[in-house]
Amino acid sequence: MIAAIVTVVVLAVLGLAVVRYGADTRSNETLDARDPALPRGPQYAHNPASDLRLLAALARRVAAQRQAWAAYDRSLRPWEGRCTRPIG
């Protein structure tokens, strides 16, 4: 089961990489040598390092969200916390 999940994740990452950094379809027939698969609008530069920075920022946001939900969950059950004063 885990192998199937890992396989799906790897294929999804490879599929995203192909979509993001796809094959060059330029030909010498066009005068400006632009890739006809790309739109003519403004293009934003990206590279793998900037994509990794975006993924790291997403991971930090997910971790912060999990910490916030954990704090909220702990606040709903204060009796399960550690005792700070001795009983008796």
PDB file of N, CA and C in Angstrom:
ATOM      1  N   MET A   1       0.824  -1.195   0.000  1.00  0.00           N
ATOM      2  CA  MET A   1       0.000   0.000   0.000  1.00  0.00           C
ATOM      3  C   MET A   1       0.864   1.252   0.000  1.00  0.00           C
ATOM      4  N   ILE A   2       1.883   1.232   0.856  1.00  0.00           N
ATOM      5  CA  ILE A   2       2.775   2.387   0.931  1.00  0.00           C
ATOM      6  C   ILE A   2       3.551   2.544  -0.373  1.00  0.00           C
ATOM      7  N   ALA A   3       3.940   1.425  -0.960  1.00  0.00           N
ATOM      8  CA  ALA A   3       4.666   1.495  -2.230  1.00  0.00           C
ATOM      9  C   ALA A   3       3.798   2.119  -3.322  1.00  0.00           C
ATOM     10  N   ALA A   4       2.517   1.813  -3.306  1.00  0.00           N
ATOM     11  CA  ALA A   4       1.621   2.397  -4.302  1.00  0.00           C
ATOM     12  C   ALA A   4       1.481   3.903  -4.083  1.00  0.00           C
ATOM     13  N   ILE A   5       1.381   4.315  -2.821  1.00  0.00           N
ATOM     14  CA  ILE A   5       1.275   5.741  -2.522  1.00  0.00           C
ATOM     15  C   ILE A   5       2.548   6.470  -2.929  1.00  0.00           C
ATOM     16  N   VAL A   6       3.694   5.883  -2.605  1.00  0.00           N
ATOM     17  CA  VAL A   6       4.979   6.502  -2.974  1.00  0.00           C
ATOM     18  C   VAL A   6       5.090   6.598  -4.486  1.00  0.00           C
ATOM     19  N   THR A   7       4.664   5.563  -5.191  1.00  0.00           N
ATOM     20  CA  THR A   7       4.713   5.576  -6.657  1.00  0.00           C
ATOM     21  C   THR A   7       3.835   6.695  -7.220  1.00  0.00           C
ATOM     22  N   VAL A   8       2.645   6.856  -6.666  1.00  0.00           N
ATOM     23  CA  VAL A   8       1.749   7.912  -7.142  1.00  0.00           C
ATOM     24  C   VAL A   8       2.348   9.285  -6.875  1.00  0.00           C
ATOM     25  N   VAL A   9       2.949   9.454  -5.704  1.00  0.00           N
ATOM     26  CA  VAL A   9       3.564  10.743  -5.369  1.00  0.00           C
ATOM     27  C   VAL A   9       4.728  11.044  -6.308  1.00  0.00           C
ATOM     28  N   VAL A  10       5.572  10.065  -6.560  1.00  0.00           N
ATOM     29  CA  VAL A  10       6.718  10.270  -7.453  1.00  0.00           C
ATOM     30  C   VAL A  10       6.243  10.602  -8.865  1.00  0.00           C
ATOM     31  N   LEU A  11       5.243   9.895  -9.343  1.00  0.00           N
ATOM     32  CA  LEU A  11       4.723  10.188 -10.682  1.00  0.00           C
ATOM     33  C   LEU A  11       4.096  11.574 -10.741  1.00  0.00           C
ATOM     34  N   ALA A  12       3.441  11.992  -9.672  1.00  0.00           N
ATOM     35  CA  ALA A  12       2.852  13.330  -9.645  1.00  0.00           C
ATOM     36  C   ALA A  12       3.945  14.393  -9.681  1.00  0.00           C
ATOM     37  N   VAL A  13       5.017  14.181  -8.929  1.00  0.00           N
ATOM     38  CA  VAL A  13       6.129  15.150  -8.931  1.00  0.00           C
ATOM     39  C   VAL A  13       6.774  15.202 -10.307  1.00  0.00           C
ATOM     40  N   LEU A  14       6.993  14.050 -10.915  1.00  0.00           N
ATOM     41  CA  LEU A  14       7.576  14.035 -12.253  1.00  0.00           C
ATOM     42  C   LEU A  14       6.638  14.679 -13.268  1.00  0.00           C
ATOM     43  N   GLY A  15       5.356  14.439 -13.133  1.00  0.00           N
ATOM     44  CA  GLY A  15       4.386  15.064 -14.037  1.00  0.00           C
ATOM     45  C   GLY A  15       4.391  16.576 -13.895  1.00  0.00           C
ATOM     46  N   LEU A  16       4.469  17.066 -12.659  1.00  0.00           N
ATOM     47  CA  LEU A  16       4.538  18.508 -12.445  1.00  0.00           C
ATOM     48  C   LEU A  16       5.831  19.089 -13.009  1.00  0.00           C
ATOM     49  N   ALA A  17       6.921  18.345 -12.881  1.00  0.00           N
ATOM     50  CA  ALA A  17       8.191  18.821 -13.427  1.00  0.00           C
ATOM     51  C   ALA A  17       8.125  18.916 -14.947  1.00  0.00           C
ATOM     52  N   VAL A  18       7.490  17.940 -15.587  1.00  0.00           N
ATOM     53  CA  VAL A  18       7.365  17.984 -17.045  1.00  0.00           C
ATOM     54  C   VAL A  18       6.474  19.148 -17.463  1.00  0.00           C
ATOM     55  N   VAL A  19       5.395  19.370 -16.722  1.00  0.00           N
ATOM     56  CA  VAL A  19       4.518  20.488 -17.050  1.00  0.00           C
ATOM     57  C   VAL A  19       5.244  21.804 -16.839  1.00  0.00           C
ATOM     58  N   ARG A  20       5.991  21.897 -15.750  1.00  0.00           N
ATOM     59  CA  ARG A  20       6.667  23.157 -15.405  1.00  0.00           C
ATOM     60  C   ARG A  20       7.872  23.411 -16.317  1.00  0.00           C
ATOM     61  N   TYR A  21       8.672  22.384 -16.565  1.00  0.00           N
ATOM     62  CA  TYR A  21       9.901  22.542 -17.353  1.00  0.00           C
ATOM     63  C   TYR A  21       9.822  21.681 -18.612  1.00  0.00           C
ATOM     64  N   GLY A  22       8.705  21.721 -19.302  1.00  0.00           N
ATOM     65  CA  GLY A  22       8.417  20.830 -20.425  1.00  0.00           C
ATOM     66  C   GLY A  22       9.413  20.894 -21.560  1.00  0.00           C
ATOM     67  N   ALA A  23       9.175  20.062 -22.541  1.00  0.00           N
ATOM     68  CA  ALA A  23      10.066  19.949 -23.696  1.00  0.00           C
ATOM     69  C   ALA A  23      10.042  21.230 -24.519  1.00  0.00           C
ATOM     70  N   ASP A  24      11.140  21.500 -25.159  1.00  0.00           N
ATOM     71  CA  ASP A  24      11.266  22.684 -26.011  1.00  0.00           C
ATOM     72  C   ASP A  24      10.655  22.358 -27.375  1.00  0.00           C
ATOM     73  N   THR A  25       9.624  23.088 -27.762  1.00  0.00           N
ATOM     74  CA  THR A  25       8.951  22.826 -29.036  1.00  0.00           C
ATOM     75  C   THR A  25       9.280  23.885 -30.077  1.00  0.00           C
ATOM     76  N   ARG A  26      10.367  24.618 -29.863  1.00  0.00           N
ATOM     77  CA  ARG A  26      10.724  25.651 -30.838  1.00  0.00           C
ATOM     78  C   ARG A  26      11.221  25.022 -32.130  1.00  0.00           C
ATOM     79  N   SER A  27      11.045  25.751 -33.179  1.00  0.00           N
ATOM     80  CA  SER A  27      11.579  25.316 -34.459  1.00  0.00           C
ATOM     81  C   SER A  27      12.237  26.524 -35.122  1.00  0.00           C
ATOM     82  N   ASN A  28      12.952  26.278 -36.168  1.00  0.00           N
ATOM     83  CA  ASN A  28      13.629  27.368 -36.874  1.00  0.00           C
ATOM     84  C   ASN A  28      12.710  28.044 -37.889  1.00  0.00           C
ATOM     85  N   GLU A  29      11.454  27.611 -37.951  1.00  0.00           N
ATOM     86  CA  GLU A  29      10.527  28.183 -38.916  1.00  0.00           C
ATOM     87  C   GLU A  29      10.015  29.554 -38.490  1.00  0.00           C
ATOM     88  N   THR A  30       9.983  29.822 -37.203  1.00  0.00           N
ATOM     89  CA  THR A  30       9.484  31.116 -36.740  1.00  0.00           C
ATOM     90  C   THR A  30      10.616  32.130 -36.744  1.00  0.00           C
ATOM     91  N   LEU A  31      10.269  33.380 -36.965  1.00  0.00           N
ATOM     92  CA  LEU A  31      11.288  34.424 -37.048  1.00  0.00           C
ATOM     93  C   LEU A  31      11.867  34.783 -35.684  1.00  0.00           C
ATOM     94  N   ASP A  32      11.034  34.743 -34.652  1.00  0.00           N
ATOM     95  CA  ASP A  32      11.537  35.152 -33.347  1.00  0.00           C
ATOM     96  C   ASP A  32      12.042  33.981 -32.506  1.00  0.00           C
ATOM     97  N   ALA A  33      11.946  32.769 -32.978  1.00  0.00           N
ATOM     98  CA  ALA A  33      12.448  31.558 -32.309  1.00  0.00           C
ATOM     99  C   ALA A  33      11.840  31.371 -30.931  1.00  0.00           C
ATOM    100  N   ARG A  34      10.584  31.801 -30.762  1.00  0.00           N
ATOM    101  CA  ARG A  34       9.891  31.583 -29.498  1.00  0.00           C
ATOM    102  C   ARG A  34       9.200  30.231 -29.528  1.00  0.00           C
ATOM    103  N   ASP A  35       9.009  29.689 -28.360  1.00  0.00           N
ATOM    104  CA  ASP A  35       8.304  28.425 -28.236  1.00  0.00           C
ATOM    105  C   ASP A  35       6.816  28.682 -28.461  1.00  0.00           C
ATOM    106  N   PRO A  36       6.198  28.089 -29.497  1.00  0.00           N
ATOM    107  CA  PRO A  36       4.786  28.361 -29.765  1.00  0.00           C
ATOM    108  C   PRO A  36       3.863  27.827 -28.675  1.00  0.00           C
ATOM    109  N   ALA A  37       4.334  26.922 -27.840  1.00  0.00           N
ATOM    110  CA  ALA A  37       3.501  26.400 -26.765  1.00  0.00           C
ATOM    111  C   ALA A  37       3.358  27.399 -25.628  1.00  0.00           C
ATOM    112  N   LEU A  38       4.248  28.370 -25.560  1.00  0.00           N
ATOM    113  CA  LEU A  38       4.188  29.363 -24.497  1.00  0.00           C
ATOM    114  C   LEU A  38       3.308  30.526 -24.909  1.00  0.00           C
ATOM    115  N   PRO A  39       2.602  31.124 -23.960  1.00  0.00           N
ATOM    116  CA  PRO A  39       1.781  32.281 -24.299  1.00  0.00           C
ATOM    117  C   PRO A  39       2.647  33.498 -24.616  1.00  0.00           C
ATOM    118  N   ARG A  40       2.079  34.438 -25.346  1.00  0.00           N
ATOM    119  CA  ARG A  40       2.820  35.642 -25.725  1.00  0.00           C
ATOM    120  C   ARG A  40       2.801  36.705 -24.639  1.00  0.00           C
ATOM    121  N   GLY A  41       2.033  36.498 -23.588  1.00  0.00           N
ATOM    122  CA  GLY A  41       1.922  37.485 -22.510  1.00  0.00           C
ATOM    123  C   GLY A  41       3.209  37.567 -21.706  1.00  0.00           C
ATOM    124  N   PRO A  42       3.176  38.329 -20.618  1.00  0.00           N
ATOM    125  CA  PRO A  42       4.375  38.479 -19.800  1.00  0.00           C
ATOM    126  C   PRO A  42       4.794  37.144 -19.185  1.00  0.00           C
ATOM    127  N   GLN A  43       6.052  36.895 -19.192  1.00  0.00           N
ATOM    128  CA  GLN A  43       6.605  35.666 -18.646  1.00  0.00           C
ATOM    129  C   GLN A  43       7.336  35.969 -17.343  1.00  0.00           C
ATOM    130  N   TYR A  44       7.134  35.144 -16.363  1.00  0.00           N
ATOM    131  CA  TYR A  44       7.796  35.311 -15.078  1.00  0.00           C
ATOM    132  C   TYR A  44       8.913  34.281 -14.976  1.00  0.00           C
ATOM    133  N   ALA A  45      10.088  34.772 -14.676  1.00  0.00           N
ATOM    134  CA  ALA A  45      11.240  33.870 -14.592  1.00  0.00           C
ATOM    135  C   ALA A  45      11.097  32.966 -13.376  1.00  0.00           C
ATOM    136  N   HIS A  46      11.424  31.727 -13.549  1.00  0.00           N
ATOM    137  CA  HIS A  46      11.454  30.781 -12.433  1.00  0.00           C
ATOM    138  C   HIS A  46      12.571  29.791 -12.691  1.00  0.00           C
ATOM    139  N   ASN A  47      13.023  29.216 -11.619  1.00  0.00           N
ATOM    140  CA  ASN A  47      14.040  28.180 -11.706  1.00  0.00           C
ATOM    141  C   ASN A  47      13.795  27.206 -10.565  1.00  0.00           C
ATOM    142  N   PRO A  48      14.467  26.080 -10.552  1.00  0.00           N
ATOM    143  CA  PRO A  48      14.226  25.105  -9.487  1.00  0.00           C
ATOM    144  C   PRO A  48      14.515  25.657  -8.086  1.00  0.00           C
ATOM    145  N   ALA A  49      15.493  26.545  -7.954  1.00  0.00           N
ATOM    146  CA  ALA A  49      15.797  27.097  -6.632  1.00  0.00           C
ATOM    147  C   ALA A  49      14.631  27.935  -6.111  1.00  0.00           C
ATOM    148  N   SER A  50      14.022  28.735  -6.970  1.00  0.00           N
ATOM    149  CA  SER A  50      12.878  29.533  -6.516  1.00  0.00           C
ATOM    150  C   SER A  50      11.675  28.643  -6.214  1.00  0.00           C
ATOM    151  N   ASP A  51      11.526  27.560  -6.980  1.00  0.00           N
ATOM    152  CA  ASP A  51      10.441  26.622  -6.682  1.00  0.00           C
ATOM    153  C   ASP A  51      10.657  25.948  -5.339  1.00  0.00           C
ATOM    154  N   LEU A  52      11.908  25.604  -5.019  1.00  0.00           N
ATOM    155  CA  LEU A  52      12.202  25.004  -3.717  1.00  0.00           C
ATOM    156  C   LEU A  52      11.938  25.991  -2.586  1.00  0.00           C
ATOM    157  N   ARG A  53      12.230  27.277  -2.821  1.00  0.00           N
ATOM    158  CA  ARG A  53      11.933  28.287  -1.798  1.00  0.00           C
ATOM    159  C   ARG A  53      10.431  28.383  -1.573  1.00  0.00           C
ATOM    160  N   LEU A  54       9.648  28.302  -2.650  1.00  0.00           N
ATOM    161  CA  LEU A  54       8.198  28.317  -2.511  1.00  0.00           C
ATOM    162  C   LEU A  54       7.695  27.094  -1.740  1.00  0.00           C
ATOM    163  N   LEU A  55       8.264  25.927  -2.029  1.00  0.00           N
ATOM    164  CA  LEU A  55       7.864  24.721  -1.308  1.00  0.00           C
ATOM    165  C   LEU A  55       8.255  24.793   0.161  1.00  0.00           C
ATOM    166  N   ALA A  56       9.435  25.370   0.451  1.00  0.00           N
ATOM    167  CA  ALA A  56       9.856  25.530   1.844  1.00  0.00           C
ATOM    168  C   ALA A  56       8.928  26.480   2.583  1.00  0.00           C
ATOM    169  N   ALA A  57       8.524  27.561   1.925  1.00  0.00           N
ATOM    170  CA  ALA A  57       7.584  28.498   2.547  1.00  0.00           C
ATOM    171  C   ALA A  57       6.241  27.814   2.803  1.00  0.00           C
ATOM    172  N   LEU A  58       5.789  26.992   1.867  1.00  0.00           N
ATOM    173  CA  LEU A  58       4.551  26.252   2.060  1.00  0.00           C
ATOM    174  C   LEU A  58       4.678  25.289   3.239  1.00  0.00           C
ATOM    175  N   ALA A  59       5.815  24.604   3.346  1.00  0.00           N
ATOM    176  CA  ALA A  59       6.031  23.680   4.460  1.00  0.00           C
ATOM    177  C   ALA A  59       6.022  24.428   5.795  1.00  0.00           C
ATOM    178  N   ARG A  60       6.624  25.620   5.831  1.00  0.00           N
ATOM    179  CA  ARG A  60       6.604  26.406   7.069  1.00  0.00           C
ATOM    180  C   ARG A  60       5.185  26.821   7.429  1.00  0.00           C
ATOM    181  N   ARG A  61       4.398  27.183   6.431  1.00  0.00           N
ATOM    182  CA  ARG A  61       3.009  27.569   6.692  1.00  0.00           C
ATOM    183  C   ARG A  61       2.196  26.391   7.208  1.00  0.00           C
ATOM    184  N   VAL A  62       2.423  25.223   6.633  1.00  0.00           N
ATOM    185  CA  VAL A  62       1.711  24.029   7.099  1.00  0.00           C
ATOM    186  C   VAL A  62       2.108  23.706   8.533  1.00  0.00           C
ATOM    187  N   ALA A  63       3.412  23.802   8.849  1.00  0.00           N
ATOM    188  CA  ALA A  63       3.872  23.526  10.214  1.00  0.00           C
ATOM    189  C   ALA A  63       3.280  24.528  11.202  1.00  0.00           C
ATOM    190  N   ALA A  64       3.224  25.788  10.829  1.00  0.00           N
ATOM    191  CA  ALA A  64       2.638  26.801  11.708  1.00  0.00           C
ATOM    192  C   ALA A  64       1.151  26.542  11.912  1.00  0.00           C
ATOM    193  N   GLN A  65       0.469  26.130  10.861  1.00  0.00           N
ATOM    194  CA  GLN A  65      -0.958  25.832  10.991  1.00  0.00           C
ATOM    195  C   GLN A  65      -1.182  24.645  11.913  1.00  0.00           C
ATOM    196  N   ARG A  66      -0.331  23.631  11.791  1.00  0.00           N
ATOM    197  CA  ARG A  66      -0.451  22.466  12.681  1.00  0.00           C
ATOM    198  C   ARG A  66      -0.189  22.856  14.130  1.00  0.00           C
ATOM    199  N   GLN A  67       0.802  23.715  14.373  1.00  0.00           N
ATOM    200  CA  GLN A  67       1.075  24.165  15.733  1.00  0.00           C
ATOM    201  C   GLN A  67      -0.111  24.948  16.286  1.00  0.00           C
ATOM    202  N   ALA A  68      -0.717  25.782  15.460  1.00  0.00           N
ATOM    203  CA  ALA A  68      -1.875  26.558  15.910  1.00  0.00           C
ATOM    204  C   ALA A  68      -3.045  25.639  16.253  1.00  0.00           C
ATOM    205  N   TRP A  69      -3.288  24.625  15.415  1.00  0.00           N
ATOM    206  CA  TRP A  69      -4.379  23.699  15.708  1.00  0.00           C
ATOM    207  C   TRP A  69      -4.073  22.871  16.947  1.00  0.00           C
ATOM    208  N   ALA A  70      -2.814  22.503  17.155  1.00  0.00           N
ATOM    209  CA  ALA A  70      -2.444  21.748  18.356  1.00  0.00           C
ATOM    210  C   ALA A  70      -2.653  22.609  19.601  1.00  0.00           C
ATOM    211  N   ALA A  71      -2.277  23.876  19.545  1.00  0.00           N
ATOM    212  CA  ALA A  71      -2.492  24.776  20.680  1.00  0.00           C
ATOM    213  C   ALA A  71      -3.981  24.950  20.948  1.00  0.00           C
ATOM    214  N   TYR A  72      -4.758  25.082  19.902  1.00  0.00           N
ATOM    215  CA  TYR A  72      -6.204  25.211  20.061  1.00  0.00           C
ATOM    216  C   TYR A  72      -6.790  23.948  20.679  1.00  0.00           C
ATOM    217  N   ASP A  73      -6.340  22.793  20.222  1.00  0.00           N
ATOM    218  CA  ASP A  73      -6.837  21.529  20.747  1.00  0.00           C
ATOM    219  C   ASP A  73      -6.472  21.391  22.223  1.00  0.00           C
ATOM    220  N   ARG A  74      -5.246  21.782  22.591  1.00  0.00           N
ATOM    221  CA  ARG A  74      -4.851  21.726  24.005  1.00  0.00           C
ATOM    222  C   ARG A  74      -5.688  22.671  24.849  1.00  0.00           C
ATOM    223  N   SER A  75      -6.060  23.826  24.289  1.00  0.00           N
ATOM    224  CA  SER A  75      -6.844  24.790  25.061  1.00  0.00           C
ATOM    225  C   SER A  75      -8.258  24.290  25.332  1.00  0.00           C
ATOM    226  N   LEU A  76      -8.745  23.358  24.511  1.00  0.00           N
ATOM    227  CA  LEU A  76     -10.076  22.819  24.737  1.00  0.00           C
ATOM    228  C   LEU A  76     -10.097  21.810  25.878  1.00  0.00           C
ATOM    229  N   ARG A  77      -8.941  21.254  26.230  1.00  0.00           N
ATOM    230  CA  ARG A  77      -8.858  20.241  27.286  1.00  0.00           C
ATOM    231  C   ARG A  77      -7.782  20.631  28.293  1.00  0.00           C
ATOM    232  N   PRO A  78      -8.008  21.690  29.088  1.00  0.00           N
ATOM    233  CA  PRO A  78      -6.956  22.138  30.004  1.00  0.00           C
ATOM    234  C   PRO A  78      -6.664  21.134  31.116  1.00  0.00           C
ATOM    235  N   TRP A  79      -7.590  20.245  31.428  1.00  0.00           N
ATOM    236  CA  TRP A  79      -7.366  19.278  32.497  1.00  0.00           C
ATOM    237  C   TRP A  79      -6.369  18.202  32.120  1.00  0.00           C
ATOM    238  N   GLU A  80      -6.026  18.093  30.828  1.00  0.00           N
ATOM    239  CA  GLU A  80      -5.058  17.084  30.398  1.00  0.00           C
ATOM    240  C   GLU A  80      -3.630  17.613  30.411  1.00  0.00           C
ATOM    241  N   GLY A  81      -3.463  18.863  30.772  1.00  0.00           N
ATOM    242  CA  GLY A  81      -2.110  19.443  30.811  1.00  0.00           C
ATOM    243  C   GLY A  81      -1.353  18.956  32.026  1.00  0.00           C
ATOM    244  N   ARG A  82      -0.068  19.290  32.073  1.00  0.00           N
ATOM    245  CA  ARG A  82       0.739  18.886  33.217  1.00  0.00           C
ATOM    246  C   ARG A  82       0.362  19.738  34.433  1.00  0.00           C
ATOM    247  N   CYS A  83       0.401  19.134  35.572  1.00  0.00           N
ATOM    248  CA  CYS A  83       0.089  19.823  36.802  1.00  0.00           C
ATOM    249  C   CYS A  83       1.280  20.691  37.211  1.00  0.00           C
ATOM    250  N   THR A  84       1.057  21.975  37.449  1.00  0.00           N
ATOM    251  CA  THR A  84       2.161  22.883  37.775  1.00  0.00           C
ATOM    252  C   THR A  84       2.344  23.085  39.265  1.00  0.00           C
ATOM    253  N   ARG A  85       1.369  22.671  40.062  1.00  0.00           N
ATOM    254  CA  ARG A  85       1.508  22.822  41.512  1.00  0.00           C
ATOM    255  C   ARG A  85       1.228  21.465  42.153  1.00  0.00           C
ATOM    256  N   PRO A  86       1.838  21.210  43.276  1.00  0.00           N
ATOM    257  CA  PRO A  86       1.636  19.915  43.921  1.00  0.00           C
ATOM    258  C   PRO A  86       0.219  19.794  44.493  1.00  0.00           C
ATOM    259  N   ILE A  87      -0.307  18.610  44.377  1.00  0.00           N
ATOM    260  CA  ILE A  87      -1.652  18.340  44.897  1.00  0.00           C
ATOM    261  C   ILE A  87      -1.524  17.880  46.335  1.00  0.00           C
ATOM    262  N   GLY A  88      -2.312  18.464  47.216  1.00  0.00           N
ATOM    263  CA  GLY A  88      -2.344  18.002  48.605  1.00  0.00           C
ATOM    264  C   GLY A  88      -1.768  18.905  49.604  1.00  0.00           C
TER     265      GLY A  88
END
